[in-house]
Amino acid sequence: MMKKVLYTLAFIAVFILNSCKTNQVKNTQTINLGIYVSENPVELPDTVVRLFRKLTVEAENDTASPFIGYIDAANNLNPVFESPDSSYKILRTLNTVDKNGKYHGMVVVKTTPFIGNDDISKTKAEGNKLIIYFNPEGSGKWADITRNFQGKTVAFTIDNVIYSLPLINGTVTNGVAMIGALDSEATALKLSDALNGN
């Protein structure tokens, strides 16, 4: 009889332990990575340019710049503006882009990113950098972007905020990209964990 009671208690203890393990909730935040090619304001339809210029604090007149304009850093909003036909949207940079730290850059991109979360195999934090490893489909897309849009800037976004805006200088075929100069190693780790689903 005593053996039966001990076996029953042991079984209940194992059951409770396993129940606790399976009911644990991951404390992860889902984020969306998007990689876009910035649109040159000179090549946009006039109606789109006029609309977007009205929405920014200060317009950019340099046609070689990836920015259509700037929004005051004191404005804590994260505006995402879409064109009336929903083919373009305007996103802001995470960090200020002027030497006085007063303005965020505003960049026009197509509404749908070329590359998203489904194209990522894994990510890794290295110091204050986020290294992105693409799956085979993403690697092909990344190679196409870097081959076909040389001389343009590419916007690496997380939840519709531009974290990096590098110039494409050559074709990248190794299936790897990097978001550099994040504010800290902790930020890089947090982003990597969220993108990896940890």
C-alpha atoms as a PDB file:
ATOM      1  CA  MET A   1       0.000   0.000   0.000  1.00  0.00           C
ATOM      2  CA  MET A   2       2.794   2.383   0.900  1.00  0.00           C
ATOM      3  CA  LYS A   3       4.437   1.720  -2.480  1.00  0.00           C
ATOM      4  CA  LYS A   4       1.213   2.631  -4.278  1.00  0.00           C
ATOM      5  CA  VAL A   5       0.963   5.912  -2.391  1.00  0.00           C
ATOM      6  CA  LEU A   6       4.605   6.758  -3.155  1.00  0.00           C
ATOM      7  CA  TYR A   7       4.169   5.926  -6.859  1.00  0.00           C
ATOM      8  CA  THR A   8       0.994   8.004  -6.978  1.00  0.00           C
ATOM      9  CA  LEU A   9       2.712  10.974  -5.282  1.00  0.00           C
ATOM     10  CA  ALA A  10       5.706  10.670  -7.607  1.00  0.00           C
ATOM     11  CA  PHE A  11       3.406  10.561 -10.628  1.00  0.00           C
ATOM     12  CA  ILE A  12       1.511  13.655  -9.419  1.00  0.00           C
ATOM     13  CA  ALA A  13       4.805  15.531  -8.795  1.00  0.00           C
ATOM     14  CA  VAL A  14       6.083  14.716 -12.307  1.00  0.00           C
ATOM     15  CA  PHE A  15       2.733  15.716 -13.810  1.00  0.00           C
ATOM     16  CA  ILE A  16       2.773  19.059 -11.967  1.00  0.00           C
ATOM     17  CA  LEU A  17       6.377  19.788 -12.981  1.00  0.00           C
ATOM     18  CA  ASN A  18       5.651  19.032 -16.629  1.00  0.00           C
ATOM     19  CA  SER A  19       2.494  21.153 -16.520  1.00  0.00           C
ATOM     20  CA  CYS A  20       4.480  24.087 -15.169  1.00  0.00           C
ATOM     21  CA  LYS A  21       7.074  23.738 -17.920  1.00  0.00           C
ATOM     22  CA  THR A  22       4.526  23.612 -20.745  1.00  0.00           C
ATOM     23  CA  ASN A  23       2.596  26.584 -19.387  1.00  0.00           C
ATOM     24  CA  GLN A  24       5.625  28.868 -19.363  1.00  0.00           C
ATOM     25  CA  VAL A  25       5.080  31.888 -21.579  1.00  0.00           C
ATOM     26  CA  LYS A  26       7.948  33.260 -23.599  1.00  0.00           C
ATOM     27  CA  ASN A  27       8.524  36.908 -22.890  1.00  0.00           C
ATOM     28  CA  THR A  28       9.306  37.881 -26.461  1.00  0.00           C
ATOM     29  CA  GLN A  29       8.321  40.847 -28.492  1.00  0.00           C
ATOM     30  CA  THR A  30       7.529  40.343 -32.154  1.00  0.00           C
ATOM     31  CA  ILE A  31       9.166  42.866 -34.431  1.00  0.00           C
ATOM     32  CA  ASN A  32       9.066  43.270 -38.181  1.00  0.00           C
ATOM     33  CA  LEU A  33      12.203  43.782 -40.215  1.00  0.00           C
ATOM     34  CA  GLY A  34      11.822  45.348 -43.639  1.00  0.00           C
ATOM     35  CA  ILE A  35      14.455  46.070 -46.254  1.00  0.00           C
ATOM     36  CA  TYR A  36      13.480  48.687 -48.829  1.00  0.00           C
ATOM     37  CA  VAL A  37      15.274  50.531 -51.610  1.00  0.00           C
ATOM     38  CA  SER A  38      14.828  54.266 -51.058  1.00  0.00           C
ATOM     39  CA  GLU A  39      13.048  56.122 -53.813  1.00  0.00           C
ATOM     40  CA  ASN A  40      14.666  59.170 -55.383  1.00  0.00           C
ATOM     41  CA  PRO A  41      12.249  62.088 -54.890  1.00  0.00           C
ATOM     42  CA  VAL A  42      13.078  63.309 -58.409  1.00  0.00           C
ATOM     43  CA  GLU A  43      11.691  60.064 -59.868  1.00  0.00           C
ATOM     44  CA  LEU A  44       8.404  60.158 -57.910  1.00  0.00           C
ATOM     45  CA  PRO A  45       5.117  61.434 -59.386  1.00  0.00           C
ATOM     46  CA  ASP A  46       4.618  65.165 -58.630  1.00  0.00           C
ATOM     47  CA  THR A  47       1.424  64.514 -56.682  1.00  0.00           C
ATOM     48  CA  VAL A  48       3.288  62.179 -54.332  1.00  0.00           C
ATOM     49  CA  VAL A  49       6.196  64.608 -53.857  1.00  0.00           C
ATOM     50  CA  ARG A  50       3.837  67.520 -53.095  1.00  0.00           C
ATOM     51  CA  LEU A  51       1.907  65.441 -50.565  1.00  0.00           C
ATOM     52  CA  PHE A  52       5.017  64.205 -48.763  1.00  0.00           C
ATOM     53  CA  ARG A  53       6.677  67.618 -48.716  1.00  0.00           C
ATOM     54  CA  LYS A  54       3.612  69.049 -46.952  1.00  0.00           C
ATOM     55  CA  LEU A  55       3.993  66.456 -44.210  1.00  0.00           C
ATOM     56  CA  THR A  56       7.614  67.164 -43.336  1.00  0.00           C
ATOM     57  CA  VAL A  57       8.956  70.051 -41.283  1.00  0.00           C
ATOM     58  CA  GLU A  58      11.696  70.957 -43.721  1.00  0.00           C
ATOM     59  CA  ALA A  59      11.989  69.891 -47.360  1.00  0.00           C
ATOM     60  CA  GLU A  60      15.240  68.548 -48.822  1.00  0.00           C
ATOM     61  CA  ASN A  61      16.322  70.275 -52.042  1.00  0.00           C
ATOM     62  CA  ASP A  62      19.393  68.149 -52.782  1.00  0.00           C
ATOM     63  CA  THR A  63      18.227  65.718 -55.481  1.00  0.00           C
ATOM     64  CA  ALA A  64      21.098  63.320 -54.664  1.00  0.00           C
ATOM     65  CA  SER A  65      19.913  62.924 -51.059  1.00  0.00           C
ATOM     66  CA  PRO A  66      17.809  59.896 -50.083  1.00  0.00           C
ATOM     67  CA  PHE A  67      15.730  62.217 -47.862  1.00  0.00           C
ATOM     68  CA  ILE A  68      12.584  63.921 -49.099  1.00  0.00           C
ATOM     69  CA  GLY A  69      12.613  66.076 -45.986  1.00  0.00           C
ATOM     70  CA  TYR A  70      13.041  66.236 -42.237  1.00  0.00           C
ATOM     71  CA  ILE A  71      10.860  66.121 -39.139  1.00  0.00           C
ATOM     72  CA  ASP A  72      11.727  67.811 -35.843  1.00  0.00           C
ATOM     73  CA  ALA A  73      13.298  65.444 -33.293  1.00  0.00           C
ATOM     74  CA  ALA A  74      11.076  66.984 -30.606  1.00  0.00           C
ATOM     75  CA  ASN A  75       8.156  65.344 -32.408  1.00  0.00           C
ATOM     76  CA  ASN A  76       8.067  61.942 -30.666  1.00  0.00           C
ATOM     77  CA  LEU A  77       5.616  60.495 -33.139  1.00  0.00           C
ATOM     78  CA  ASN A  78       6.633  57.755 -35.534  1.00  0.00           C
ATOM     79  CA  PRO A  79       4.758  58.937 -38.596  1.00  0.00           C
ATOM     80  CA  VAL A  80       4.227  56.503 -41.435  1.00  0.00           C
ATOM     81  CA  PHE A  81       2.544  58.306 -44.304  1.00  0.00           C
ATOM     82  CA  GLU A  82       1.167  56.514 -47.348  1.00  0.00           C
ATOM     83  CA  SER A  83       0.538  58.025 -50.749  1.00  0.00           C
ATOM     84  CA  PRO A  84      -3.112  58.253 -51.860  1.00  0.00           C
ATOM     85  CA  ASP A  85      -2.666  55.277 -54.197  1.00  0.00           C
ATOM     86  CA  SER A  86      -0.858  53.275 -51.443  1.00  0.00           C
ATOM     87  CA  SER A  87       2.168  52.596 -53.656  1.00  0.00           C
ATOM     88  CA  TYR A  88       4.632  54.621 -51.536  1.00  0.00           C
ATOM     89  CA  LYS A  89       5.146  55.407 -47.884  1.00  0.00           C
ATOM     90  CA  ILE A  90       7.423  57.747 -45.996  1.00  0.00           C
ATOM     91  CA  LEU A  91       9.409  56.559 -42.978  1.00  0.00           C
ATOM     92  CA  ARG A  92      11.640  58.384 -40.520  1.00  0.00           C
ATOM     93  CA  THR A  93      15.116  57.533 -39.324  1.00  0.00           C
ATOM     94  CA  LEU A  94      15.598  56.301 -35.765  1.00  0.00           C
ATOM     95  CA  ASN A  95      18.471  58.691 -35.173  1.00  0.00           C
ATOM     96  CA  THR A  96      18.765  62.340 -36.069  1.00  0.00           C
ATOM     97  CA  VAL A  97      20.654  63.072 -39.277  1.00  0.00           C
ATOM     98  CA  ASP A  98      21.929  66.627 -38.743  1.00  0.00           C
ATOM     99  CA  LYS A  99      24.979  67.721 -36.765  1.00  0.00           C
ATOM    100  CA  ASN A 100      22.839  69.553 -34.184  1.00  0.00           C
ATOM    101  CA  GLY A 101      20.624  66.529 -33.525  1.00  0.00           C
ATOM    102  CA  LYS A 102      17.422  68.418 -34.322  1.00  0.00           C
ATOM    103  CA  TYR A 103      15.932  66.473 -37.246  1.00  0.00           C
ATOM    104  CA  HIS A 104      15.082  62.934 -38.300  1.00  0.00           C
ATOM    105  CA  GLY A 105      15.366  62.182 -41.999  1.00  0.00           C
ATOM    106  CA  MET A 106      12.236  61.201 -43.929  1.00  0.00           C
ATOM    107  CA  VAL A 107      12.662  58.637 -46.725  1.00  0.00           C
ATOM    108  CA  VAL A 108      10.194  57.514 -49.387  1.00  0.00           C
ATOM    109  CA  VAL A 109       9.996  53.769 -50.080  1.00  0.00           C
ATOM    110  CA  LYS A 110       7.590  51.433 -51.847  1.00  0.00           C
ATOM    111  CA  THR A 111       4.815  50.248 -49.537  1.00  0.00           C
ATOM    112  CA  THR A 112       5.941  46.606 -49.514  1.00  0.00           C
ATOM    113  CA  PRO A 113       9.506  45.722 -48.483  1.00  0.00           C
ATOM    114  CA  PHE A 114      11.740  43.698 -50.798  1.00  0.00           C
ATOM    115  CA  ILE A 115      12.815  41.566 -47.816  1.00  0.00           C
ATOM    116  CA  GLY A 116      10.968  40.762 -44.576  1.00  0.00           C
ATOM    117  CA  ASN A 117      11.024  38.426 -41.591  1.00  0.00           C
ATOM    118  CA  ASP A 118      10.197  35.365 -43.728  1.00  0.00           C
ATOM    119  CA  ASP A 119      13.480  35.855 -45.622  1.00  0.00           C
ATOM    120  CA  ILE A 120      15.662  35.606 -42.504  1.00  0.00           C
ATOM    121  CA  SER A 121      17.335  32.379 -41.406  1.00  0.00           C
ATOM    122  CA  LYS A 122      18.792  33.832 -38.192  1.00  0.00           C
ATOM    123  CA  THR A 123      20.383  36.939 -36.734  1.00  0.00           C
ATOM    124  CA  LYS A 124      23.303  37.501 -34.409  1.00  0.00           C
ATOM    125  CA  ALA A 125      24.431  40.450 -32.299  1.00  0.00           C
ATOM    126  CA  GLU A 126      28.097  41.411 -32.579  1.00  0.00           C
ATOM    127  CA  GLY A 127      28.829  44.353 -30.335  1.00  0.00           C
ATOM    128  CA  ASN A 128      26.455  47.117 -31.391  1.00  0.00           C
ATOM    129  CA  LYS A 129      25.822  45.501 -34.797  1.00  0.00           C
ATOM    130  CA  LEU A 130      23.035  43.183 -35.908  1.00  0.00           C
ATOM    131  CA  ILE A 131      24.175  40.557 -38.415  1.00  0.00           C
ATOM    132  CA  ILE A 132      21.365  39.175 -40.593  1.00  0.00           C
ATOM    133  CA  TYR A 133      21.697  35.762 -42.237  1.00  0.00           C
ATOM    134  CA  PHE A 134      19.171  35.213 -45.000  1.00  0.00           C
ATOM    135  CA  ASN A 135      17.576  31.914 -45.982  1.00  0.00           C
ATOM    136  CA  PRO A 136      18.070  30.821 -49.631  1.00  0.00           C
ATOM    137  CA  GLU A 137      15.123  32.891 -50.899  1.00  0.00           C
ATOM    138  CA  GLY A 138      16.223  35.943 -48.918  1.00  0.00           C
ATOM    139  CA  SER A 139      19.824  35.503 -50.131  1.00  0.00           C
ATOM    140  CA  GLY A 140      18.582  35.612 -53.715  1.00  0.00           C
ATOM    141  CA  LYS A 141      16.522  38.746 -53.046  1.00  0.00           C
ATOM    142  CA  TRP A 142      19.466  40.439 -51.293  1.00  0.00           C
ATOM    143  CA  ALA A 143      21.766  39.613 -54.222  1.00  0.00           C
ATOM    144  CA  ASP A 144      19.172  41.025 -56.670  1.00  0.00           C
ATOM    145  CA  ILE A 145      18.775  44.248 -54.661  1.00  0.00           C
ATOM    146  CA  THR A 146      22.516  44.821 -54.394  1.00  0.00           C
ATOM    147  CA  ARG A 147      23.012  43.988 -58.091  1.00  0.00           C
ATOM    148  CA  ASN A 148      20.137  46.038 -59.509  1.00  0.00           C
ATOM    149  CA  PHE A 149      20.168  49.122 -57.288  1.00  0.00           C
ATOM    150  CA  GLN A 150      23.844  50.057 -57.039  1.00  0.00           C
ATOM    151  CA  GLY A 151      24.282  53.735 -56.212  1.00  0.00           C
ATOM    152  CA  LYS A 152      20.977  53.853 -54.297  1.00  0.00           C
ATOM    153  CA  THR A 153      20.430  53.623 -50.576  1.00  0.00           C
ATOM    154  CA  VAL A 154      18.718  50.722 -48.879  1.00  0.00           C
ATOM    155  CA  ALA A 155      16.581  51.280 -45.793  1.00  0.00           C
ATOM    156  CA  PHE A 156      16.814  48.656 -43.037  1.00  0.00           C
ATOM    157  CA  THR A 157      13.681  49.140 -40.935  1.00  0.00           C
ATOM    158  CA  ILE A 158      12.320  47.666 -37.764  1.00  0.00           C
ATOM    159  CA  ASP A 159       8.633  48.303 -37.197  1.00  0.00           C
ATOM    160  CA  ASN A 160       8.632  51.036 -39.884  1.00  0.00           C
ATOM    161  CA  VAL A 161      11.550  52.995 -38.395  1.00  0.00           C
ATOM    162  CA  ILE A 162      14.792  53.265 -40.384  1.00  0.00           C
ATOM    163  CA  TYR A 163      17.720  51.915 -38.362  1.00  0.00           C
ATOM    164  CA  SER A 164      20.288  52.030 -41.157  1.00  0.00           C
ATOM    165  CA  LEU A 165      20.474  53.669 -44.593  1.00  0.00           C
ATOM    166  CA  PRO A 166      23.629  52.463 -46.352  1.00  0.00           C
ATOM    167  CA  LEU A 167      24.563  53.106 -49.973  1.00  0.00           C
ATOM    168  CA  ILE A 168      24.677  50.030 -52.212  1.00  0.00           C
ATOM    169  CA  ASN A 169      28.193  49.803 -53.642  1.00  0.00           C
ATOM    170  CA  GLY A 170      28.290  46.290 -55.072  1.00  0.00           C
ATOM    171  CA  THR A 171      26.599  42.925 -55.378  1.00  0.00           C
ATOM    172  CA  VAL A 172      26.415  40.866 -52.172  1.00  0.00           C
ATOM    173  CA  THR A 173      26.028  37.151 -52.791  1.00  0.00           C
ATOM    174  CA  ASN A 174      26.966  35.648 -49.411  1.00  0.00           C
ATOM    175  CA  GLY A 175      23.442  36.011 -47.981  1.00  0.00           C
ATOM    176  CA  VAL A 176      24.509  38.271 -45.110  1.00  0.00           C
ATOM    177  CA  ALA A 177      23.648  41.884 -44.254  1.00  0.00           C
ATOM    178  CA  MET A 178      24.366  44.105 -41.267  1.00  0.00           C
ATOM    179  CA  ILE A 179      22.677  46.898 -39.367  1.00  0.00           C
ATOM    180  CA  GLY A 180      25.603  48.755 -37.831  1.00  0.00           C
ATOM    181  CA  ALA A 181      26.095  51.462 -35.248  1.00  0.00           C
ATOM    182  CA  LEU A 182      23.136  50.622 -33.031  1.00  0.00           C
ATOM    183  CA  ASP A 183      23.099  52.603 -29.788  1.00  0.00           C
ATOM    184  CA  SER A 184      24.327  49.658 -27.685  1.00  0.00           C
ATOM    185  CA  GLU A 185      25.140  45.972 -27.563  1.00  0.00           C
ATOM    186  CA  ALA A 186      21.983  45.497 -25.478  1.00  0.00           C
ATOM    187  CA  THR A 187      19.879  46.904 -28.341  1.00  0.00           C
ATOM    188  CA  ALA A 188      21.564  44.583 -30.830  1.00  0.00           C
ATOM    189  CA  LEU A 189      20.907  41.584 -28.532  1.00  0.00           C
ATOM    190  CA  LYS A 190      17.279  42.579 -27.965  1.00  0.00           C
ATOM    191  CA  LEU A 191      16.643  42.956 -31.718  1.00  0.00           C
ATOM    192  CA  SER A 192      18.415  39.693 -32.501  1.00  0.00           C
ATOM    193  CA  ASP A 193      16.457  37.794 -29.840  1.00  0.00           C
ATOM    194  CA  ALA A 194      13.157  39.225 -31.091  1.00  0.00           C
ATOM    195  CA  LEU A 195      13.927  38.392 -34.739  1.00  0.00           C
ATOM    196  CA  ASN A 196      15.053  34.892 -33.779  1.00  0.00           C
ATOM    197  CA  GLY A 197      11.891  34.350 -31.734  1.00  0.00           C
ATOM    198  CA  ASN A 198      13.741  33.968 -28.423  1.00  0.00           C
END
